[in-house]
N, C-alpha and C. Protein backbone atom coordinates (compact mmCIF):
# COMPACT_ATOMS: atom_id res chain seq x y z
N MET A 1 0.82 -1.20 0.00
CA MET A 1 0.00 0.00 0.00
C MET A 1 0.86 1.26 0.00
N LEU A 2 1.88 1.25 0.84
CA LEU A 2 2.76 2.41 0.89
C LEU A 2 3.47 2.60 -0.43
N ALA A 3 3.85 1.49 -1.07
CA ALA A 3 4.53 1.57 -2.35
C ALA A 3 3.64 2.20 -3.41
N GLU A 4 2.32 2.07 -3.24
CA GLU A 4 1.38 2.62 -4.21
C GLU A 4 0.84 3.97 -3.78
N GLY A 5 1.39 4.52 -2.70
CA GLY A 5 0.95 5.83 -2.24
C GLY A 5 -0.35 5.80 -1.46
N ARG A 6 -0.78 4.63 -1.02
CA ARG A 6 -2.06 4.51 -0.31
C ARG A 6 -1.82 4.52 1.19
N SER A 7 -1.26 5.64 1.68
CA SER A 7 -0.89 5.73 3.09
C SER A 7 -2.12 5.71 3.99
N GLY A 8 -3.23 6.28 3.51
CA GLY A 8 -4.45 6.27 4.31
C GLY A 8 -4.96 4.87 4.56
N GLU A 9 -4.96 4.04 3.51
CA GLU A 9 -5.40 2.65 3.66
C GLU A 9 -4.44 1.88 4.55
N ALA A 10 -3.14 2.19 4.43
CA ALA A 10 -2.16 1.52 5.29
C ALA A 10 -2.41 1.85 6.75
N ALA A 11 -2.75 3.12 7.02
CA ALA A 11 -3.04 3.53 8.40
C ALA A 11 -4.28 2.81 8.92
N ASP A 12 -5.30 2.67 8.05
CA ASP A 12 -6.52 1.96 8.46
C ASP A 12 -6.22 0.50 8.77
N LEU A 13 -5.35 -0.12 7.95
CA LEU A 13 -4.99 -1.52 8.18
C LEU A 13 -4.26 -1.68 9.50
N LEU A 14 -3.37 -0.74 9.80
CA LEU A 14 -2.65 -0.80 11.08
C LEU A 14 -3.63 -0.79 12.25
N GLY A 15 -4.72 -0.04 12.08
CA GLY A 15 -5.70 0.06 13.16
C GLY A 15 -6.45 -1.22 13.43
N THR A 16 -6.39 -2.17 12.50
CA THR A 16 -7.09 -3.45 12.69
C THR A 16 -6.21 -4.51 13.34
N LEU A 17 -4.91 -4.23 13.47
CA LEU A 17 -3.99 -5.22 14.04
C LEU A 17 -4.05 -5.20 15.56
N PRO A 18 -3.82 -6.34 16.21
CA PRO A 18 -3.84 -6.39 17.68
C PRO A 18 -2.81 -5.43 18.28
N ALA A 19 -3.26 -4.61 19.21
CA ALA A 19 -2.38 -3.58 19.78
C ALA A 19 -1.20 -4.17 20.54
N ASP A 20 -1.38 -5.37 21.11
CA ASP A 20 -0.30 -5.97 21.91
C ASP A 20 0.59 -6.90 21.10
N TRP A 21 0.41 -6.94 19.81
CA TRP A 21 1.21 -7.80 18.93
C TRP A 21 2.50 -7.07 18.59
N GLU A 22 3.64 -7.72 18.80
CA GLU A 22 4.93 -7.06 18.57
C GLU A 22 5.06 -6.57 17.13
N LEU A 23 4.60 -7.37 16.18
CA LEU A 23 4.72 -6.98 14.77
C LEU A 23 3.88 -5.75 14.45
N THR A 24 2.85 -5.49 15.26
CA THR A 24 2.07 -4.27 15.06
C THR A 24 2.93 -3.05 15.30
N ARG A 25 3.72 -3.10 16.35
CA ARG A 25 4.61 -1.97 16.66
C ARG A 25 5.68 -1.81 15.57
N ILE A 26 6.22 -2.92 15.10
CA ILE A 26 7.23 -2.85 14.04
C ILE A 26 6.62 -2.25 12.78
N ALA A 27 5.42 -2.70 12.42
CA ALA A 27 4.74 -2.16 11.24
C ALA A 27 4.46 -0.67 11.41
N THR A 28 4.09 -0.27 12.62
CA THR A 28 3.81 1.15 12.88
C THR A 28 5.07 1.99 12.73
N LEU A 29 6.19 1.50 13.25
CA LEU A 29 7.46 2.22 13.11
C LEU A 29 7.81 2.40 11.64
N HIS A 30 7.63 1.34 10.87
CA HIS A 30 7.96 1.41 9.44
C HIS A 30 7.03 2.38 8.72
N TYR A 31 5.74 2.34 9.07
CA TYR A 31 4.77 3.26 8.45
C TYR A 31 5.16 4.71 8.72
N GLN A 32 5.47 5.02 9.96
CA GLN A 32 5.83 6.40 10.31
C GLN A 32 7.08 6.85 9.57
N LEU A 33 8.03 5.95 9.39
CA LEU A 33 9.26 6.30 8.68
C LEU A 33 8.99 6.58 7.20
N ILE A 34 8.23 5.70 6.56
CA ILE A 34 7.99 5.83 5.12
C ILE A 34 7.17 7.07 4.80
N VAL A 35 6.18 7.41 5.65
CA VAL A 35 5.35 8.58 5.35
C VAL A 35 6.01 9.87 5.79
N GLY A 36 7.18 9.78 6.41
CA GLY A 36 7.94 10.99 6.71
C GLY A 36 7.81 11.50 8.12
N ASN A 37 7.08 10.79 9.00
CA ASN A 37 6.93 11.24 10.38
C ASN A 37 8.10 10.74 11.23
N ARG A 38 9.28 11.28 10.97
CA ARG A 38 10.48 10.76 11.64
C ARG A 38 10.44 10.97 13.14
N ALA A 39 9.78 12.04 13.58
CA ALA A 39 9.72 12.30 15.01
C ALA A 39 8.95 11.20 15.73
N ARG A 40 8.04 10.54 15.03
CA ARG A 40 7.23 9.48 15.64
C ARG A 40 7.68 8.09 15.20
N ALA A 41 8.73 8.04 14.41
CA ALA A 41 9.17 6.76 13.86
C ALA A 41 9.98 5.94 14.85
N THR A 42 10.38 6.54 15.94
CA THR A 42 11.07 5.79 16.99
C THR A 42 10.21 5.82 18.25
N GLU A 43 10.17 4.72 18.94
CA GLU A 43 9.35 4.63 20.14
C GLU A 43 9.95 5.47 21.28
N PRO A 44 9.09 6.12 22.09
CA PRO A 44 9.59 6.80 23.29
C PRO A 44 10.29 5.80 24.19
N GLU A 45 11.25 6.29 24.94
CA GLU A 45 12.06 5.41 25.80
C GLU A 45 11.20 4.55 26.71
N ARG A 46 10.12 5.12 27.23
CA ARG A 46 9.28 4.38 28.19
C ARG A 46 8.55 3.20 27.54
N LEU A 47 8.44 3.21 26.20
CA LEU A 47 7.73 2.14 25.52
C LEU A 47 8.66 1.08 24.94
N ILE A 48 9.94 1.41 24.83
CA ILE A 48 10.87 0.50 24.17
C ILE A 48 10.94 -0.85 24.88
N ASN A 49 10.88 -0.83 26.22
CA ASN A 49 10.99 -2.08 26.96
C ASN A 49 9.81 -3.02 26.72
N ARG A 50 8.71 -2.48 26.18
CA ARG A 50 7.57 -3.33 25.87
C ARG A 50 7.78 -4.13 24.59
N LEU A 51 8.73 -3.70 23.80
CA LEU A 51 9.02 -4.39 22.55
C LEU A 51 9.91 -5.60 22.79
N GLY A 52 9.79 -6.59 21.94
CA GLY A 52 10.71 -7.71 21.99
C GLY A 52 12.03 -7.32 21.36
N PRO A 53 12.99 -8.22 21.32
CA PRO A 53 14.31 -7.91 20.73
C PRO A 53 14.21 -7.41 19.29
N ARG A 54 13.33 -8.02 18.50
CA ARG A 54 13.21 -7.61 17.10
C ARG A 54 12.66 -6.18 16.99
N GLY A 55 11.66 -5.87 17.82
CA GLY A 55 11.11 -4.52 17.80
C GLY A 55 12.11 -3.48 18.24
N ARG A 56 12.89 -3.79 19.27
CA ARG A 56 13.91 -2.84 19.75
C ARG A 56 15.01 -2.67 18.70
N ALA A 57 15.33 -3.77 18.01
CA ALA A 57 16.35 -3.68 16.96
C ALA A 57 15.86 -2.78 15.83
N PHE A 58 14.61 -2.96 15.43
CA PHE A 58 14.08 -2.13 14.35
C PHE A 58 14.03 -0.67 14.78
N ASN A 59 13.69 -0.44 16.04
CA ASN A 59 13.67 0.93 16.56
C ASN A 59 15.05 1.58 16.43
N SER A 60 16.10 0.80 16.70
CA SER A 60 17.47 1.32 16.58
C SER A 60 17.82 1.62 15.13
N VAL A 61 17.35 0.78 14.21
CA VAL A 61 17.62 1.03 12.79
C VAL A 61 16.91 2.31 12.33
N VAL A 62 15.68 2.49 12.78
CA VAL A 62 14.95 3.72 12.42
C VAL A 62 15.67 4.94 12.96
N ARG A 63 16.19 4.82 14.19
CA ARG A 63 16.96 5.94 14.76
C ARG A 63 18.20 6.21 13.90
N ALA A 64 18.83 5.14 13.41
CA ALA A 64 20.01 5.30 12.55
C ALA A 64 19.65 6.02 11.26
N VAL A 65 18.45 5.78 10.73
CA VAL A 65 18.01 6.47 9.51
C VAL A 65 17.98 7.98 9.74
N GLY A 66 17.38 8.38 10.86
CA GLY A 66 17.32 9.81 11.17
C GLY A 66 18.70 10.42 11.33
N LEU A 67 19.58 9.71 12.00
CA LEU A 67 20.95 10.20 12.20
C LEU A 67 21.69 10.32 10.87
N ALA A 68 21.52 9.32 10.01
CA ALA A 68 22.20 9.34 8.71
C ALA A 68 21.70 10.47 7.84
N ARG A 69 20.39 10.67 7.83
CA ARG A 69 19.81 11.74 7.01
C ARG A 69 20.22 13.11 7.51
N ASP A 70 20.46 13.21 8.82
CA ASP A 70 20.85 14.50 9.39
C ASP A 70 22.36 14.70 9.39
N GLY A 71 23.10 13.72 8.90
CA GLY A 71 24.54 13.88 8.76
C GLY A 71 25.38 13.50 9.97
N PHE A 72 24.79 12.78 10.93
CA PHE A 72 25.54 12.38 12.12
C PHE A 72 26.16 11.00 11.91
N ALA A 73 27.13 10.94 11.01
CA ALA A 73 27.73 9.67 10.62
C ALA A 73 28.36 8.94 11.81
N GLU A 74 28.94 9.71 12.73
CA GLU A 74 29.64 9.08 13.85
C GLU A 74 28.69 8.34 14.79
N ARG A 75 27.38 8.65 14.73
CA ARG A 75 26.42 7.99 15.62
C ARG A 75 25.64 6.89 14.92
N VAL A 76 25.72 6.86 13.59
CA VAL A 76 24.98 5.86 12.83
C VAL A 76 25.49 4.46 13.15
N ARG A 77 26.82 4.29 13.17
CA ARG A 77 27.39 2.97 13.42
C ARG A 77 26.96 2.45 14.78
N GLU A 78 26.95 3.32 15.79
CA GLU A 78 26.55 2.89 17.13
C GLU A 78 25.11 2.40 17.14
N ALA A 79 24.22 3.13 16.45
CA ALA A 79 22.81 2.74 16.42
C ALA A 79 22.63 1.40 15.70
N LEU A 80 23.36 1.20 14.61
CA LEU A 80 23.24 -0.05 13.86
C LEU A 80 23.83 -1.23 14.63
N LEU A 81 24.95 -1.00 15.30
CA LEU A 81 25.54 -2.06 16.11
C LEU A 81 24.63 -2.41 17.28
N SER A 82 23.94 -1.40 17.81
CA SER A 82 22.97 -1.65 18.87
C SER A 82 21.84 -2.52 18.36
N ALA A 83 21.38 -2.24 17.14
CA ALA A 83 20.32 -3.05 16.53
C ALA A 83 20.78 -4.49 16.34
N HIS A 84 22.03 -4.66 15.92
CA HIS A 84 22.58 -5.99 15.71
C HIS A 84 22.68 -6.75 17.02
N ALA A 85 23.10 -6.05 18.07
CA ALA A 85 23.23 -6.69 19.38
C ALA A 85 21.86 -7.08 19.95
N LEU A 86 20.85 -6.27 19.67
CA LEU A 86 19.51 -6.51 20.21
C LEU A 86 18.78 -7.63 19.48
N GLY A 87 18.82 -7.59 18.16
CA GLY A 87 17.99 -8.52 17.39
C GLY A 87 18.74 -9.50 16.52
N GLY A 88 20.05 -9.35 16.44
CA GLY A 88 20.83 -10.26 15.61
C GLY A 88 20.76 -9.92 14.13
N ALA A 89 21.45 -10.72 13.34
CA ALA A 89 21.55 -10.46 11.91
C ALA A 89 20.20 -10.52 11.22
N GLY A 90 19.33 -11.43 11.66
CA GLY A 90 18.03 -11.58 11.01
C GLY A 90 17.18 -10.33 11.10
N SER A 91 17.16 -9.71 12.27
CA SER A 91 16.36 -8.50 12.45
C SER A 91 16.92 -7.35 11.64
N VAL A 92 18.24 -7.22 11.63
CA VAL A 92 18.87 -6.13 10.86
C VAL A 92 18.63 -6.35 9.37
N ARG A 93 18.75 -7.60 8.92
CA ARG A 93 18.52 -7.90 7.50
C ARG A 93 17.10 -7.52 7.09
N LEU A 94 16.11 -7.86 7.93
CA LEU A 94 14.72 -7.52 7.64
C LEU A 94 14.53 -6.01 7.56
N ALA A 95 15.09 -5.29 8.54
CA ALA A 95 14.94 -3.84 8.56
C ALA A 95 15.58 -3.20 7.33
N LEU A 96 16.76 -3.66 6.95
CA LEU A 96 17.44 -3.11 5.78
C LEU A 96 16.65 -3.38 4.50
N THR A 97 16.03 -4.55 4.43
CA THR A 97 15.24 -4.90 3.25
C THR A 97 14.06 -3.95 3.08
N LEU A 98 13.48 -3.50 4.19
CA LEU A 98 12.31 -2.64 4.14
C LEU A 98 12.64 -1.18 3.90
N LEU A 99 13.91 -0.83 4.01
CA LEU A 99 14.31 0.58 3.84
C LEU A 99 14.58 0.92 2.38
N PRO A 100 14.35 2.19 2.00
CA PRO A 100 14.74 2.63 0.66
C PRO A 100 16.25 2.50 0.48
N ARG A 101 16.67 2.22 -0.73
CA ARG A 101 18.09 2.03 -1.02
C ARG A 101 18.91 3.25 -0.62
N ALA A 102 18.35 4.45 -0.80
CA ALA A 102 19.10 5.67 -0.49
C ALA A 102 19.54 5.70 0.97
N ASP A 103 18.70 5.20 1.88
CA ASP A 103 19.07 5.19 3.29
C ASP A 103 20.17 4.16 3.56
N VAL A 104 20.10 3.01 2.90
CA VAL A 104 21.12 1.99 3.10
C VAL A 104 22.46 2.48 2.56
N GLU A 105 22.44 3.25 1.49
CA GLU A 105 23.68 3.84 0.96
C GLU A 105 24.28 4.81 1.98
N LEU A 106 23.42 5.56 2.66
CA LEU A 106 23.91 6.45 3.71
C LEU A 106 24.54 5.65 4.84
N PHE A 107 23.92 4.51 5.19
CA PHE A 107 24.48 3.64 6.21
C PHE A 107 25.88 3.18 5.81
N SER A 108 26.02 2.75 4.57
CA SER A 108 27.29 2.21 4.10
C SER A 108 28.41 3.24 4.23
N SER A 109 28.17 4.44 3.75
CA SER A 109 29.21 5.47 3.81
C SER A 109 29.49 5.89 5.24
N ALA A 110 28.44 5.96 6.07
CA ALA A 110 28.61 6.38 7.46
C ALA A 110 29.42 5.36 8.25
N VAL A 111 29.11 4.08 8.07
CA VAL A 111 29.82 3.02 8.79
C VAL A 111 31.28 2.97 8.38
N GLU A 112 31.55 3.07 7.09
CA GLU A 112 32.92 3.03 6.61
C GLU A 112 33.72 4.23 7.11
N ARG A 113 33.11 5.41 7.03
CA ARG A 113 33.82 6.63 7.44
C ARG A 113 34.11 6.61 8.93
N ASP A 114 33.12 6.19 9.72
CA ASP A 114 33.32 6.18 11.17
C ASP A 114 34.35 5.13 11.56
N ALA A 115 34.35 3.98 10.88
CA ALA A 115 35.32 2.93 11.19
C ALA A 115 36.73 3.39 10.88
N GLU A 116 36.90 4.13 9.79
CA GLU A 116 38.23 4.63 9.42
C GLU A 116 38.74 5.62 10.46
N GLN A 117 37.83 6.44 10.97
CA GLN A 117 38.24 7.44 11.96
C GLN A 117 38.60 6.80 13.29
N ARG A 118 37.83 5.80 13.69
CA ARG A 118 38.07 5.17 14.99
C ARG A 118 39.20 4.15 14.93
N GLY A 119 39.29 3.44 13.82
CA GLY A 119 40.36 2.46 13.65
C GLY A 119 40.20 1.22 14.50
N VAL A 120 39.02 1.05 15.14
CA VAL A 120 38.79 -0.12 16.00
C VAL A 120 37.53 -0.82 15.53
N ARG A 121 37.61 -2.11 15.30
CA ARG A 121 36.46 -2.89 14.87
C ARG A 121 35.69 -3.38 16.09
N ARG A 122 34.39 -3.21 16.04
CA ARG A 122 33.53 -3.64 17.13
C ARG A 122 32.94 -5.01 16.83
N SER A 123 32.50 -5.69 17.89
CA SER A 123 31.85 -6.98 17.72
C SER A 123 30.60 -6.83 16.85
N GLY A 124 30.49 -7.68 15.86
CA GLY A 124 29.34 -7.64 14.96
C GLY A 124 29.48 -6.69 13.79
N GLU A 125 30.57 -5.93 13.76
CA GLU A 125 30.71 -4.91 12.72
C GLU A 125 30.92 -5.51 11.34
N GLU A 126 31.72 -6.56 11.25
CA GLU A 126 31.97 -7.17 9.94
C GLU A 126 30.67 -7.74 9.36
N GLU A 127 29.89 -8.38 10.22
CA GLU A 127 28.62 -8.92 9.74
C GLU A 127 27.68 -7.79 9.34
N LEU A 128 27.68 -6.69 10.09
CA LEU A 128 26.84 -5.54 9.76
C LEU A 128 27.21 -4.99 8.38
N ARG A 129 28.50 -4.85 8.14
CA ARG A 129 28.95 -4.34 6.84
C ARG A 129 28.54 -5.29 5.71
N ARG A 130 28.60 -6.58 5.99
CA ARG A 130 28.21 -7.57 4.98
C ARG A 130 26.70 -7.49 4.69
N LEU A 131 25.90 -7.30 5.74
CA LEU A 131 24.46 -7.17 5.55
C LEU A 131 24.12 -5.95 4.71
N ILE A 132 24.81 -4.85 4.98
CA ILE A 132 24.57 -3.62 4.21
C ILE A 132 24.98 -3.82 2.76
N ALA A 133 26.14 -4.45 2.54
CA ALA A 133 26.61 -4.69 1.18
C ALA A 133 25.65 -5.59 0.41
N ASN A 134 25.14 -6.62 1.08
CA ASN A 134 24.19 -7.53 0.43
C ASN A 134 22.90 -6.80 0.06
N ARG A 135 22.46 -5.93 0.97
CA ARG A 135 21.22 -5.17 0.68
C ARG A 135 21.40 -4.27 -0.53
N LEU A 136 22.58 -3.69 -0.69
CA LEU A 136 22.82 -2.78 -1.80
C LEU A 136 22.87 -3.51 -3.14
N GLU A 137 23.03 -4.82 -3.09
CA GLU A 137 23.03 -5.61 -4.32
C GLU A 137 21.62 -6.02 -4.74
N GLU A 138 20.65 -5.75 -3.86
CA GLU A 138 19.27 -6.14 -4.14
C GLU A 138 18.46 -4.95 -4.65
N SER A 139 17.28 -5.24 -5.17
CA SER A 139 16.35 -4.19 -5.58
C SER A 139 15.50 -3.78 -4.39
N ASP A 140 14.92 -2.58 -4.46
CA ASP A 140 14.04 -2.13 -3.39
C ASP A 140 12.79 -2.99 -3.34
N VAL A 141 12.36 -3.30 -2.10
CA VAL A 141 11.10 -4.01 -1.93
C VAL A 141 9.95 -3.11 -2.37
N PHE A 142 10.08 -1.83 -2.04
CA PHE A 142 9.03 -0.88 -2.38
C PHE A 142 9.40 -0.16 -3.66
N SER A 143 8.75 -0.53 -4.75
CA SER A 143 8.99 0.11 -6.03
C SER A 143 8.25 1.44 -6.08
N PRO A 144 8.64 2.35 -6.98
CA PRO A 144 7.93 3.61 -7.12
C PRO A 144 6.46 3.37 -7.42
N PRO A 145 5.58 4.23 -6.93
CA PRO A 145 4.14 4.08 -7.17
C PRO A 145 3.83 3.95 -8.66
N ALA A 146 2.92 3.05 -8.97
CA ALA A 146 2.53 2.85 -10.36
C ALA A 146 1.48 3.88 -10.76
N ARG A 147 1.83 5.14 -10.67
CA ARG A 147 0.94 6.21 -11.08
C ARG A 147 1.80 7.36 -11.57
N THR A 148 1.20 8.20 -12.36
CA THR A 148 1.92 9.34 -12.91
C THR A 148 1.80 10.53 -11.97
N ILE A 149 2.92 11.09 -11.59
CA ILE A 149 2.93 12.29 -10.76
C ILE A 149 3.53 13.41 -11.58
N SER A 150 2.77 14.46 -11.71
CA SER A 150 3.22 15.60 -12.51
C SER A 150 3.44 16.81 -11.62
N LEU A 151 4.70 17.22 -11.50
CA LEU A 151 5.04 18.42 -10.75
C LEU A 151 5.33 19.55 -11.73
N THR A 152 4.94 20.76 -11.34
CA THR A 152 5.23 21.91 -12.19
C THR A 152 6.71 22.23 -12.15
N GLU A 153 7.16 23.00 -13.13
CA GLU A 153 8.56 23.40 -13.15
C GLU A 153 8.94 24.15 -11.88
N ARG A 154 8.02 24.99 -11.41
CA ARG A 154 8.28 25.76 -10.18
C ARG A 154 8.41 24.84 -8.98
N GLU A 155 7.58 23.80 -8.91
CA GLU A 155 7.64 22.87 -7.80
C GLU A 155 8.95 22.08 -7.82
N LEU A 156 9.41 21.72 -9.00
CA LEU A 156 10.69 21.02 -9.12
C LEU A 156 11.85 21.92 -8.69
N ILE A 157 11.75 23.21 -9.01
CA ILE A 157 12.78 24.17 -8.59
C ILE A 157 12.81 24.27 -7.07
N VAL A 158 11.62 24.33 -6.47
CA VAL A 158 11.53 24.42 -5.01
C VAL A 158 12.11 23.16 -4.36
N LEU A 159 11.80 21.99 -4.90
CA LEU A 159 12.35 20.74 -4.36
C LEU A 159 13.87 20.74 -4.41
N ALA A 160 14.42 21.17 -5.54
CA ALA A 160 15.88 21.21 -5.68
C ALA A 160 16.49 22.18 -4.69
N ALA A 161 15.81 23.29 -4.44
CA ALA A 161 16.31 24.28 -3.48
C ALA A 161 16.29 23.72 -2.06
N ILE A 162 15.24 23.00 -1.72
CA ILE A 162 15.16 22.36 -0.40
C ILE A 162 16.30 21.36 -0.25
N ASP A 163 16.56 20.60 -1.31
CA ASP A 163 17.64 19.62 -1.28
C ASP A 163 18.99 20.28 -1.07
N ARG A 164 19.13 21.52 -1.53
CA ARG A 164 20.39 22.25 -1.33
C ARG A 164 20.48 22.86 0.05
N GLY A 165 19.44 22.69 0.86
CA GLY A 165 19.46 23.20 2.22
C GLY A 165 19.01 24.63 2.36
N MET A 166 18.36 25.17 1.35
CA MET A 166 17.92 26.56 1.40
C MET A 166 16.69 26.72 2.28
N SER A 167 16.60 27.85 2.96
CA SER A 167 15.44 28.16 3.79
C SER A 167 14.31 28.68 2.91
N LEU A 168 13.11 28.78 3.49
CA LEU A 168 11.98 29.30 2.73
C LEU A 168 12.23 30.73 2.27
N ALA A 169 12.83 31.52 3.16
CA ALA A 169 13.12 32.91 2.81
C ALA A 169 14.12 33.00 1.67
N GLU A 170 15.11 32.12 1.69
CA GLU A 170 16.13 32.12 0.63
C GLU A 170 15.52 31.70 -0.71
N ILE A 171 14.63 30.71 -0.66
CA ILE A 171 13.97 30.27 -1.89
C ILE A 171 13.10 31.39 -2.45
N ALA A 172 12.35 32.04 -1.56
CA ALA A 172 11.48 33.14 -1.99
C ALA A 172 12.28 34.26 -2.63
N SER A 173 13.42 34.59 -2.03
CA SER A 173 14.26 35.66 -2.56
C SER A 173 14.83 35.29 -3.92
N GLU A 174 15.27 34.05 -4.06
CA GLU A 174 15.86 33.61 -5.33
C GLU A 174 14.83 33.56 -6.46
N GLU A 175 13.59 33.21 -6.12
CA GLU A 175 12.55 33.06 -7.14
C GLU A 175 11.67 34.30 -7.27
N PHE A 176 11.96 35.34 -6.48
CA PHE A 176 11.22 36.60 -6.54
C PHE A 176 9.73 36.41 -6.25
N VAL A 177 9.45 35.61 -5.23
CA VAL A 177 8.08 35.40 -4.78
C VAL A 177 8.05 35.56 -3.27
N SER A 178 6.85 35.54 -2.69
CA SER A 178 6.72 35.66 -1.24
C SER A 178 6.96 34.32 -0.57
N VAL A 179 7.26 34.37 0.72
CA VAL A 179 7.43 33.14 1.49
C VAL A 179 6.14 32.33 1.49
N ASN A 180 4.99 33.02 1.57
CA ASN A 180 3.70 32.31 1.56
C ASN A 180 3.50 31.55 0.25
N THR A 181 3.99 32.14 -0.85
CA THR A 181 3.88 31.45 -2.14
C THR A 181 4.71 30.17 -2.13
N VAL A 182 5.91 30.25 -1.56
CA VAL A 182 6.77 29.07 -1.46
C VAL A 182 6.10 28.00 -0.60
N LYS A 183 5.48 28.43 0.51
CA LYS A 183 4.78 27.48 1.38
C LYS A 183 3.65 26.79 0.62
N SER A 184 2.92 27.56 -0.18
CA SER A 184 1.82 26.99 -0.96
C SER A 184 2.34 25.97 -1.97
N GLN A 185 3.47 26.29 -2.59
CA GLN A 185 4.06 25.37 -3.56
C GLN A 185 4.50 24.08 -2.88
N ILE A 186 5.07 24.21 -1.69
CA ILE A 186 5.51 23.03 -0.94
C ILE A 186 4.32 22.17 -0.55
N ASN A 187 3.24 22.81 -0.06
CA ASN A 187 2.04 22.06 0.32
C ASN A 187 1.45 21.34 -0.89
N SER A 188 1.48 21.99 -2.04
CA SER A 188 0.95 21.40 -3.26
C SER A 188 1.75 20.17 -3.68
N LEU A 189 3.07 20.30 -3.70
CA LEU A 189 3.89 19.16 -4.14
C LEU A 189 3.85 18.02 -3.14
N LYS A 190 3.71 18.35 -1.84
CA LYS A 190 3.60 17.29 -0.83
C LYS A 190 2.32 16.49 -1.02
N ARG A 191 1.23 17.19 -1.38
CA ARG A 191 -0.03 16.48 -1.63
C ARG A 191 0.12 15.55 -2.83
N LYS A 192 0.77 16.03 -3.87
CA LYS A 192 0.96 15.20 -5.07
C LYS A 192 1.82 13.98 -4.78
N LEU A 193 2.81 14.16 -3.90
CA LEU A 193 3.73 13.07 -3.59
C LEU A 193 3.20 12.15 -2.49
N GLY A 194 2.10 12.56 -1.85
CA GLY A 194 1.55 11.77 -0.76
C GLY A 194 2.38 11.82 0.50
N VAL A 195 3.06 12.94 0.73
CA VAL A 195 3.94 13.11 1.88
C VAL A 195 3.25 13.97 2.93
N THR A 196 3.29 13.51 4.18
CA THR A 196 2.68 14.28 5.26
C THR A 196 3.70 14.80 6.26
N GLY A 197 4.95 14.42 6.09
CA GLY A 197 6.00 14.82 7.03
C GLY A 197 6.64 16.14 6.66
N PRO A 198 7.85 16.38 7.15
CA PRO A 198 8.57 17.63 6.85
C PRO A 198 8.90 17.74 5.37
N ARG A 199 9.24 18.94 4.94
CA ARG A 199 9.47 19.16 3.51
C ARG A 199 10.65 18.34 2.98
N GLU A 200 11.61 18.00 3.86
CA GLU A 200 12.72 17.16 3.43
C GLU A 200 12.23 15.78 2.97
N ALA A 201 11.11 15.33 3.57
CA ALA A 201 10.55 14.03 3.18
C ALA A 201 10.04 14.08 1.75
N ALA A 202 9.58 15.26 1.30
CA ALA A 202 9.13 15.40 -0.08
C ALA A 202 10.30 15.21 -1.05
N VAL A 203 11.47 15.70 -0.64
CA VAL A 203 12.66 15.52 -1.47
C VAL A 203 12.99 14.04 -1.59
N GLU A 204 12.95 13.32 -0.45
CA GLU A 204 13.24 11.89 -0.47
C GLU A 204 12.27 11.15 -1.39
N ALA A 205 10.97 11.52 -1.30
CA ALA A 205 9.96 10.87 -2.14
C ALA A 205 10.22 11.16 -3.61
N ALA A 206 10.57 12.40 -3.92
CA ALA A 206 10.83 12.78 -5.31
C ALA A 206 12.04 12.05 -5.87
N VAL A 207 13.06 11.86 -5.03
CA VAL A 207 14.26 11.13 -5.46
C VAL A 207 13.90 9.67 -5.75
N GLN A 208 13.12 9.06 -4.84
CA GLN A 208 12.72 7.67 -5.03
C GLN A 208 11.90 7.48 -6.30
N LEU A 209 11.12 8.50 -6.66
CA LEU A 209 10.27 8.43 -7.85
C LEU A 209 11.01 8.82 -9.12
N GLY A 210 12.26 9.26 -8.96
CA GLY A 210 13.03 9.66 -10.13
C GLY A 210 12.67 11.02 -10.69
N LEU A 211 11.96 11.83 -9.88
CA LEU A 211 11.55 13.16 -10.34
C LEU A 211 12.70 14.16 -10.28
N ILE A 212 13.59 13.98 -9.31
CA ILE A 212 14.78 14.81 -9.21
C ILE A 212 15.95 13.92 -8.87
N ARG A 213 17.14 14.43 -9.07
CA ARG A 213 18.35 13.70 -8.72
C ARG A 213 18.97 14.31 -7.48
N ARG A 214 19.51 13.42 -6.65
CA ARG A 214 20.18 13.90 -5.44
C ARG A 214 21.34 14.78 -5.81
N ARG A 215 21.47 15.90 -5.08
CA ARG A 215 22.55 16.85 -5.37
C ARG A 215 23.89 16.21 -5.03
């Protein structure tokens, strides 16, 4: 459903699953990550202990996604090794399979860079690197939505500007429009892309759909 942009139906399906089922929590974490709600994609500390090893491992992988996207390479390896220690190779392999390839590529570069800086190999690190490498040889589980998405030239320009890290005010100044106009364009393109999270999530969705290329 998420692959086809049917996030509303996916949310309804989640509501039918048993609340105390561990896989329900894992599915919820994955849903929040894919739709762009990164702030809710990791369980609060008080709830983590309610999860089994696999759920806690997936929670650590989701945390690693946020760290990697925000550029905290030195903390990504720790989060992934924590996931490996909690749930083992099987849990990490499952989590990596469900993630977009772009995030796994961030993992790969972050783990390698941090390992070079530290110069010390941790327990489970070689297996972690092998799992990441194997995932990069596979295709994404979630293919781009089988529908046509048409963004205007202005919306594509705004997406590219967001990807460059520009603020709303900077985009407005560069395009000679008001900040409110930029906000309207962002809201419009997010609706087309089916994104409900922060504007950076719209960039990720556009990259996955091949609408823009990563800078």
